[in-house]
Amino acid sequence: MPNWKELRRFCENDGWELYKVTDHYFYRKYDNAGNLRRTKVSMGSGQVNGFLWKEILKKQLCVSQEYFSSKI
């Protein structure tokens, strides 16, 4: 499982816009169909838990594990 720093690195390398910083980093990106995707990244340094990670990949990032790995 990736850690939160790797998720943040992915967002930066994949062209996501950092639009808000509070106790989390908030990123957004429009996909090719014009749909807005958003994700929230913890400022922690630990790993993203298994179920949560699968949900982030599928519902927020909308990418495969392979694509994610190629961008970090």
PDB file of N, CA and C in Angstrom:
ATOM      1  N   MET A   1       0.831  -1.179   0.000  1.00  0.00           N
ATOM      2  CA  MET A   1       0.000   0.000   0.000  1.00  0.00           C
ATOM      3  C   MET A   1       0.881   1.248   0.000  1.00  0.00           C
ATOM      4  N   PRO A   2       0.479   2.251  -0.744  1.00  0.00           N
ATOM      5  CA  PRO A   2       1.255   3.494  -0.759  1.00  0.00           C
ATOM      6  C   PRO A   2       1.050   4.296   0.521  1.00  0.00           C
ATOM      7  N   ASN A   3       1.913   5.249   0.724  1.00  0.00           N
ATOM      8  CA  ASN A   3       1.727   6.150   1.857  1.00  0.00           C
ATOM      9  C   ASN A   3       1.159   7.479   1.350  1.00  0.00           C
ATOM     10  N   TRP A   4       0.826   8.363   2.272  1.00  0.00           N
ATOM     11  CA  TRP A   4       0.197   9.631   1.911  1.00  0.00           C
ATOM     12  C   TRP A   4       1.129  10.514   1.084  1.00  0.00           C
ATOM     13  N   LYS A   5       2.425  10.445   1.340  1.00  0.00           N
ATOM     14  CA  LYS A   5       3.372  11.247   0.566  1.00  0.00           C
ATOM     15  C   LYS A   5       3.396  10.805  -0.892  1.00  0.00           C
ATOM     16  N   GLU A   6       3.267   9.505  -1.132  1.00  0.00           N
ATOM     17  CA  GLU A   6       3.237   9.000  -2.503  1.00  0.00           C
ATOM     18  C   GLU A   6       1.955   9.433  -3.217  1.00  0.00           C
ATOM     19  N   LEU A   7       0.849   9.478  -2.497  1.00  0.00           N
ATOM     20  CA  LEU A   7      -0.395   9.957  -3.094  1.00  0.00           C
ATOM     21  C   LEU A   7      -0.261  11.429  -3.477  1.00  0.00           C
ATOM     22  N   ARG A   8       0.340  12.205  -2.630  1.00  0.00           N
ATOM     23  CA  ARG A   8       0.550  13.625  -2.944  1.00  0.00           C
ATOM     24  C   ARG A   8       1.478  13.770  -4.153  1.00  0.00           C
ATOM     25  N   ARG A   9       2.539  12.979  -4.199  1.00  0.00           N
ATOM     26  CA  ARG A   9       3.470  13.019  -5.335  1.00  0.00           C
ATOM     27  C   ARG A   9       2.750  12.648  -6.631  1.00  0.00           C
ATOM     28  N   PHE A  10       1.863  11.644  -6.569  1.00  0.00           N
ATOM     29  CA  PHE A  10       1.081  11.266  -7.739  1.00  0.00           C
ATOM     30  C   PHE A  10       0.266  12.455  -8.247  1.00  0.00           C
ATOM     31  N   CYS A  11      -0.439  13.115  -7.351  1.00  0.00           N
ATOM     32  CA  CYS A  11      -1.276  14.255  -7.745  1.00  0.00           C
ATOM     33  C   CYS A  11      -0.450  15.337  -8.414  1.00  0.00           C
ATOM     34  N   GLU A  12       0.694  15.631  -7.860  1.00  0.00           N
ATOM     35  CA  GLU A  12       1.562  16.660  -8.434  1.00  0.00           C
ATOM     36  C   GLU A  12       2.099  16.237  -9.800  1.00  0.00           C
ATOM     37  N   ASN A  13       2.500  14.982  -9.944  1.00  0.00           N
ATOM     38  CA  ASN A  13       3.064  14.494 -11.202  1.00  0.00           C
ATOM     39  C   ASN A  13       2.008  14.278 -12.282  1.00  0.00           C
ATOM     40  N   ASP A  14       0.746  14.084 -11.881  1.00  0.00           N
ATOM     41  CA  ASP A  14      -0.316  13.798 -12.841  1.00  0.00           C
ATOM     42  C   ASP A  14      -1.124  15.048 -13.202  1.00  0.00           C
ATOM     43  N   GLY A  15      -0.696  16.209 -12.756  1.00  0.00           N
ATOM     44  CA  GLY A  15      -1.341  17.451 -13.153  1.00  0.00           C
ATOM     45  C   GLY A  15      -2.565  17.853 -12.356  1.00  0.00           C
ATOM     46  N   TRP A  16      -2.706  17.346 -11.145  1.00  0.00           N
ATOM     47  CA  TRP A  16      -3.818  17.755 -10.288  1.00  0.00           C
ATOM     48  C   TRP A  16      -3.511  19.124  -9.695  1.00  0.00           C
ATOM     49  N   GLU A  17      -4.562  19.923  -9.514  1.00  0.00           N
ATOM     50  CA  GLU A  17      -4.422  21.257  -8.947  1.00  0.00           C
ATOM     51  C   GLU A  17      -4.616  21.219  -7.431  1.00  0.00           C
ATOM     52  N   LEU A  18      -3.650  21.743  -6.696  1.00  0.00           N
ATOM     53  CA  LEU A  18      -3.793  21.902  -5.253  1.00  0.00           C
ATOM     54  C   LEU A  18      -4.617  23.165  -5.044  1.00  0.00           C
ATOM     55  N   TYR A  19      -5.850  23.007  -4.535  1.00  0.00           N
ATOM     56  CA  TYR A  19      -6.721  24.172  -4.430  1.00  0.00           C
ATOM     57  C   TYR A  19      -7.032  24.588  -3.003  1.00  0.00           C
ATOM     58  N   LYS A  20      -6.647  23.770  -2.029  1.00  0.00           N
ATOM     59  CA  LYS A  20      -6.895  24.157  -0.642  1.00  0.00           C
ATOM     60  C   LYS A  20      -5.973  23.358   0.270  1.00  0.00           C
ATOM     61  N   VAL A  21      -5.471  24.023   1.312  1.00  0.00           N
ATOM     62  CA  VAL A  21      -4.649  23.354   2.315  1.00  0.00           C
ATOM     63  C   VAL A  21      -5.210  23.722   3.678  1.00  0.00           C
ATOM     64  N   THR A  22      -5.607  22.697   4.437  1.00  0.00           N
ATOM     65  CA  THR A  22      -6.047  22.887   5.816  1.00  0.00           C
ATOM     66  C   THR A  22      -5.244  21.892   6.635  1.00  0.00           C
ATOM     67  N   ASP A  23      -5.923  20.960   7.267  1.00  0.00           N
ATOM     68  CA  ASP A  23      -5.216  19.856   7.909  1.00  0.00           C
ATOM     69  C   ASP A  23      -4.988  18.724   6.902  1.00  0.00           C
ATOM     70  N   HIS A  24      -5.460  18.913   5.666  1.00  0.00           N
ATOM     71  CA  HIS A  24      -5.255  18.005   4.539  1.00  0.00           C
ATOM     72  C   HIS A  24      -4.909  18.844   3.310  1.00  0.00           C
ATOM     73  N   TYR A  25      -4.378  18.155   2.274  1.00  0.00           N
ATOM     74  CA  TYR A  25      -4.181  18.776   0.968  1.00  0.00           C
ATOM     75  C   TYR A  25      -5.385  18.381   0.115  1.00  0.00           C
ATOM     76  N   PHE A  26      -5.991  19.339  -0.561  1.00  0.00           N
ATOM     77  CA  PHE A  26      -7.137  19.078  -1.415  1.00  0.00           C
ATOM     78  C   PHE A  26      -6.728  19.312  -2.867  1.00  0.00           C
ATOM     79  N   TYR A  27      -6.923  18.294  -3.697  1.00  0.00           N
ATOM     80  CA  TYR A  27      -6.560  18.349  -5.108  1.00  0.00           C
ATOM     81  C   TYR A  27      -7.795  18.142  -5.969  1.00  0.00           C
ATOM     82  N   ARG A  28      -7.757  18.715  -7.182  1.00  0.00           N
ATOM     83  CA  ARG A  28      -8.828  18.497  -8.150  1.00  0.00           C
ATOM     84  C   ARG A  28      -8.237  18.470  -9.553  1.00  0.00           C
ATOM     85  N   LYS A  29      -8.967  17.796 -10.446  1.00  0.00           N
ATOM     86  CA  LYS A  29      -8.528  17.681 -11.832  1.00  0.00           C
ATOM     87  C   LYS A  29      -9.741  17.361 -12.693  1.00  0.00           C
ATOM     88  N   TYR A  30      -9.814  18.001 -13.863  1.00  0.00           N
ATOM     89  CA  TYR A  30     -10.849  17.662 -14.833  1.00  0.00           C
ATOM     90  C   TYR A  30     -10.311  16.559 -15.737  1.00  0.00           C
ATOM     91  N   ASP A  31     -11.119  15.515 -15.944  1.00  0.00           N
ATOM     92  CA  ASP A  31     -10.689  14.451 -16.853  1.00  0.00           C
ATOM     93  C   ASP A  31     -11.028  14.844 -18.286  1.00  0.00           C
ATOM     94  N   ASN A  32     -10.731  13.982 -19.235  1.00  0.00           N
ATOM     95  CA  ASN A  32     -10.937  14.291 -20.652  1.00  0.00           C
ATOM     96  C   ASN A  32     -12.404  14.483 -21.008  1.00  0.00           C
ATOM     97  N   ALA A  33     -13.307  13.908 -20.236  1.00  0.00           N
ATOM     98  CA  ALA A  33     -14.746  14.048 -20.483  1.00  0.00           C
ATOM     99  C   ALA A  33     -15.314  15.298 -19.812  1.00  0.00           C
ATOM    100  N   GLY A  34     -14.483  16.046 -19.116  1.00  0.00           N
ATOM    101  CA  GLY A  34     -14.933  17.260 -18.453  1.00  0.00           C
ATOM    102  C   GLY A  34     -15.465  17.052 -17.052  1.00  0.00           C
ATOM    103  N   ASN A  35     -15.320  15.848 -16.521  1.00  0.00           N
ATOM    104  CA  ASN A  35     -15.765  15.555 -15.159  1.00  0.00           C
ATOM    105  C   ASN A  35     -14.716  15.997 -14.155  1.00  0.00           C
ATOM    106  N   LEU A  36     -15.171  16.602 -13.080  1.00  0.00           N
ATOM    107  CA  LEU A  36     -14.267  17.042 -12.024  1.00  0.00           C
ATOM    108  C   LEU A  36     -14.008  15.894 -11.058  1.00  0.00           C
ATOM    109  N   ARG A  37     -12.736  15.596 -10.851  1.00  0.00           N
ATOM    110  CA  ARG A  37     -12.336  14.597  -9.860  1.00  0.00           C
ATOM    111  C   ARG A  37     -11.666  15.322  -8.714  1.00  0.00           C
ATOM    112  N   ARG A  38     -11.915  14.851  -7.499  1.00  0.00           N
ATOM    113  CA  ARG A  38     -11.311  15.476  -6.314  1.00  0.00           C
ATOM    114  C   ARG A  38     -10.785  14.396  -5.380  1.00  0.00           C
ATOM    115  N   THR A  39      -9.724  14.750  -4.664  1.00  0.00           N
ATOM    116  CA  THR A  39      -9.201  13.864  -3.635  1.00  0.00           C
ATOM    117  C   THR A  39      -8.617  14.703  -2.506  1.00  0.00           C
ATOM    118  N   LYS A  40      -8.569  14.092  -1.349  1.00  0.00           N
ATOM    119  CA  LYS A  40      -8.046  14.728  -0.142  1.00  0.00           C
ATOM    120  C   LYS A  40      -6.887  13.875   0.348  1.00  0.00           C
ATOM    121  N   VAL A  41      -5.759  14.513   0.639  1.00  0.00           N
ATOM    122  CA  VAL A  41      -4.548  13.796   1.033  1.00  0.00           C
ATOM    123  C   VAL A  41      -4.144  14.233   2.436  1.00  0.00           C
ATOM    124  N   SER A  42      -3.988  13.270   3.309  1.00  0.00           N
ATOM    125  CA  SER A  42      -3.581  13.548   4.678  1.00  0.00           C
ATOM    126  C   SER A  42      -2.160  14.095   4.721  1.00  0.00           C
ATOM    127  N   MET A  43      -1.883  14.926   5.712  1.00  0.00           N
ATOM    128  CA  MET A  43      -0.521  15.423   5.915  1.00  0.00           C
ATOM    129  C   MET A  43       0.325  14.425   6.702  1.00  0.00           C
ATOM    130  N   GLY A  44      -0.262  13.318   7.081  1.00  0.00           N
ATOM    131  CA  GLY A  44       0.457  12.276   7.804  1.00  0.00           C
ATOM    132  C   GLY A  44       1.466  11.571   6.921  1.00  0.00           C
ATOM    133  N   SER A  45       2.280  10.739   7.531  1.00  0.00           N
ATOM    134  CA  SER A  45       3.316  10.037   6.776  1.00  0.00           C
ATOM    135  C   SER A  45       3.072   8.535   6.703  1.00  0.00           C
ATOM    136  N   GLY A  46       1.991   8.056   7.286  1.00  0.00           N
ATOM    137  CA  GLY A  46       1.715   6.624   7.309  1.00  0.00           C
ATOM    138  C   GLY A  46       1.155   6.105   6.001  1.00  0.00           C
ATOM    139  N   GLN A  47       0.907   4.806   5.981  1.00  0.00           N
ATOM    140  CA  GLN A  47       0.344   4.165   4.802  1.00  0.00           C
ATOM    141  C   GLN A  47      -1.163   4.364   4.746  1.00  0.00           C
ATOM    142  N   VAL A  48      -1.679   4.330   3.519  1.00  0.00           N
ATOM    143  CA  VAL A  48      -3.121   4.372   3.308  1.00  0.00           C
ATOM    144  C   VAL A  48      -3.630   2.941   3.487  1.00  0.00           C
ATOM    145  N   ASN A  49      -4.619   2.740   4.334  1.00  0.00           N
ATOM    146  CA  ASN A  49      -5.149   1.401   4.601  1.00  0.00           C
ATOM    147  C   ASN A  49      -5.737   0.772   3.345  1.00  0.00           C
ATOM    148  N   GLY A  50      -5.745  -0.556   3.281  1.00  0.00           N
ATOM    149  CA  GLY A  50      -6.141  -1.318   2.110  1.00  0.00           C
ATOM    150  C   GLY A  50      -7.483  -0.939   1.507  1.00  0.00           C
ATOM    151  N   PHE A  51      -8.566  -0.994   2.294  1.00  0.00           N
ATOM    152  CA  PHE A  51      -9.886  -0.688   1.755  1.00  0.00           C
ATOM    153  C   PHE A  51      -9.973   0.771   1.321  1.00  0.00           C
ATOM    154  N   LEU A  52      -9.449   1.669   2.126  1.00  0.00           N
ATOM    155  CA  LEU A  52      -9.474   3.092   1.788  1.00  0.00           C
ATOM    156  C   LEU A  52      -8.697   3.334   0.504  1.00  0.00           C
ATOM    157  N   TRP A  53      -7.552   2.672   0.354  1.00  0.00           N
ATOM    158  CA  TRP A  53      -6.750   2.855  -0.846  1.00  0.00           C
ATOM    159  C   TRP A  53      -7.509   2.418  -2.090  1.00  0.00           C
ATOM    160  N   LYS A  54      -8.198   1.305  -2.031  1.00  0.00           N
ATOM    161  CA  LYS A  54      -8.977   0.827  -3.182  1.00  0.00           C
ATOM    162  C   LYS A  54     -10.085   1.808  -3.540  1.00  0.00           C
ATOM    163  N   GLU A  55     -10.712   2.398  -2.537  1.00  0.00           N
ATOM    164  CA  GLU A  55     -11.765   3.388  -2.772  1.00  0.00           C
ATOM    165  C   GLU A  55     -11.200   4.666  -3.400  1.00  0.00           C
ATOM    166  N   ILE A  56     -10.045   5.108  -2.941  1.00  0.00           N
ATOM    167  CA  ILE A  56      -9.419   6.303  -3.509  1.00  0.00           C
ATOM    168  C   ILE A  56      -9.067   6.070  -4.972  1.00  0.00           C
ATOM    169  N   LEU A  57      -8.457   4.930  -5.280  1.00  0.00           N
ATOM    170  CA  LEU A  57      -8.104   4.618  -6.669  1.00  0.00           C
ATOM    171  C   LEU A  57      -9.330   4.595  -7.560  1.00  0.00           C
ATOM    172  N   LYS A  58     -10.366   3.913  -7.104  1.00  0.00           N
ATOM    173  CA  LYS A  58     -11.552   3.679  -7.934  1.00  0.00           C
ATOM    174  C   LYS A  58     -12.459   4.900  -8.047  1.00  0.00           C
ATOM    175  N   LYS A  59     -12.747   5.562  -6.932  1.00  0.00           N
ATOM    176  CA  LYS A  59     -13.775   6.601  -6.926  1.00  0.00           C
ATOM    177  C   LYS A  59     -13.245   8.021  -7.011  1.00  0.00           C
ATOM    178  N   GLN A  60     -12.020   8.260  -6.572  1.00  0.00           N
ATOM    179  CA  GLN A  60     -11.500   9.626  -6.580  1.00  0.00           C
ATOM    180  C   GLN A  60     -10.495   9.836  -7.710  1.00  0.00           C
ATOM    181  N   LEU A  61      -9.484   8.988  -7.783  1.00  0.00           N
ATOM    182  CA  LEU A  61      -8.463   9.145  -8.818  1.00  0.00           C
ATOM    183  C   LEU A  61      -8.921   8.583 -10.162  1.00  0.00           C
ATOM    184  N   CYS A  62      -9.721   7.526 -10.125  1.00  0.00           N
ATOM    185  CA  CYS A  62     -10.223   6.855 -11.340  1.00  0.00           C
ATOM    186  C   CYS A  62      -9.080   6.357 -12.213  1.00  0.00           C
ATOM    187  N   VAL A  63      -8.094   5.724 -11.594  1.00  0.00           N
ATOM    188  CA  VAL A  63      -6.953   5.170 -12.325  1.00  0.00           C
ATOM    189  C   VAL A  63      -6.651   3.766 -11.800  1.00  0.00           C
ATOM    190  N   SER A  64      -5.853   3.029 -12.553  1.00  0.00           N
ATOM    191  CA  SER A  64      -5.423   1.700 -12.123  1.00  0.00           C
ATOM    192  C   SER A  64      -4.215   1.816 -11.202  1.00  0.00           C
ATOM    193  N   GLN A  65      -3.929   0.742 -10.493  1.00  0.00           N
ATOM    194  CA  GLN A  65      -2.749   0.698  -9.635  1.00  0.00           C
ATOM    195  C   GLN A  65      -1.482   0.867 -10.486  1.00  0.00           C
ATOM    196  N   GLU A  66      -1.472   0.290 -11.678  1.00  0.00           N
ATOM    197  CA  GLU A  66      -0.323   0.380 -12.559  1.00  0.00           C
ATOM    198  C   GLU A  66      -0.063   1.817 -12.992  1.00  0.00           C
ATOM    199  N   TYR A  67      -1.133   2.528 -13.352  1.00  0.00           N
ATOM    200  CA  TYR A  67      -0.989   3.933 -13.747  1.00  0.00           C
ATOM    201  C   TYR A  67      -0.480   4.761 -12.563  1.00  0.00           C
ATOM    202  N   PHE A  68      -1.057   4.536 -11.400  1.00  0.00           N
ATOM    203  CA  PHE A  68      -0.610   5.247 -10.211  1.00  0.00           C
ATOM    204  C   PHE A  68       0.880   5.034  -9.988  1.00  0.00           C
ATOM    205  N   SER A  69       1.303   3.780 -10.028  1.00  0.00           N
ATOM    206  CA  SER A  69       2.709   3.444  -9.777  1.00  0.00           C
ATOM    207  C   SER A  69       3.644   4.088 -10.790  1.00  0.00           C
ATOM    208  N   SER A  70       3.182   4.275 -12.014  1.00  0.00           N
ATOM    209  CA  SER A  70       4.039   4.866 -13.056  1.00  0.00           C
ATOM    210  C   SER A  70       4.242   6.363 -12.851  1.00  0.00           C
ATOM    211  N   LYS A  71       3.419   7.003 -12.022  1.00  0.00           N
ATOM    212  CA  LYS A  71       3.481   8.454 -11.829  1.00  0.00           C
ATOM    213  C   LYS A  71       4.174   8.876 -10.544  1.00  0.00           C
ATOM    214  N   ILE A  72       4.503   7.933  -9.647  1.00  0.00           N
ATOM    215  CA  ILE A  72       5.114   8.340  -8.378  1.00  0.00           C
ATOM    216  C   ILE A  72       6.619   8.261  -8.400  1.00  0.00           C
TER     217      ILE A  72
END
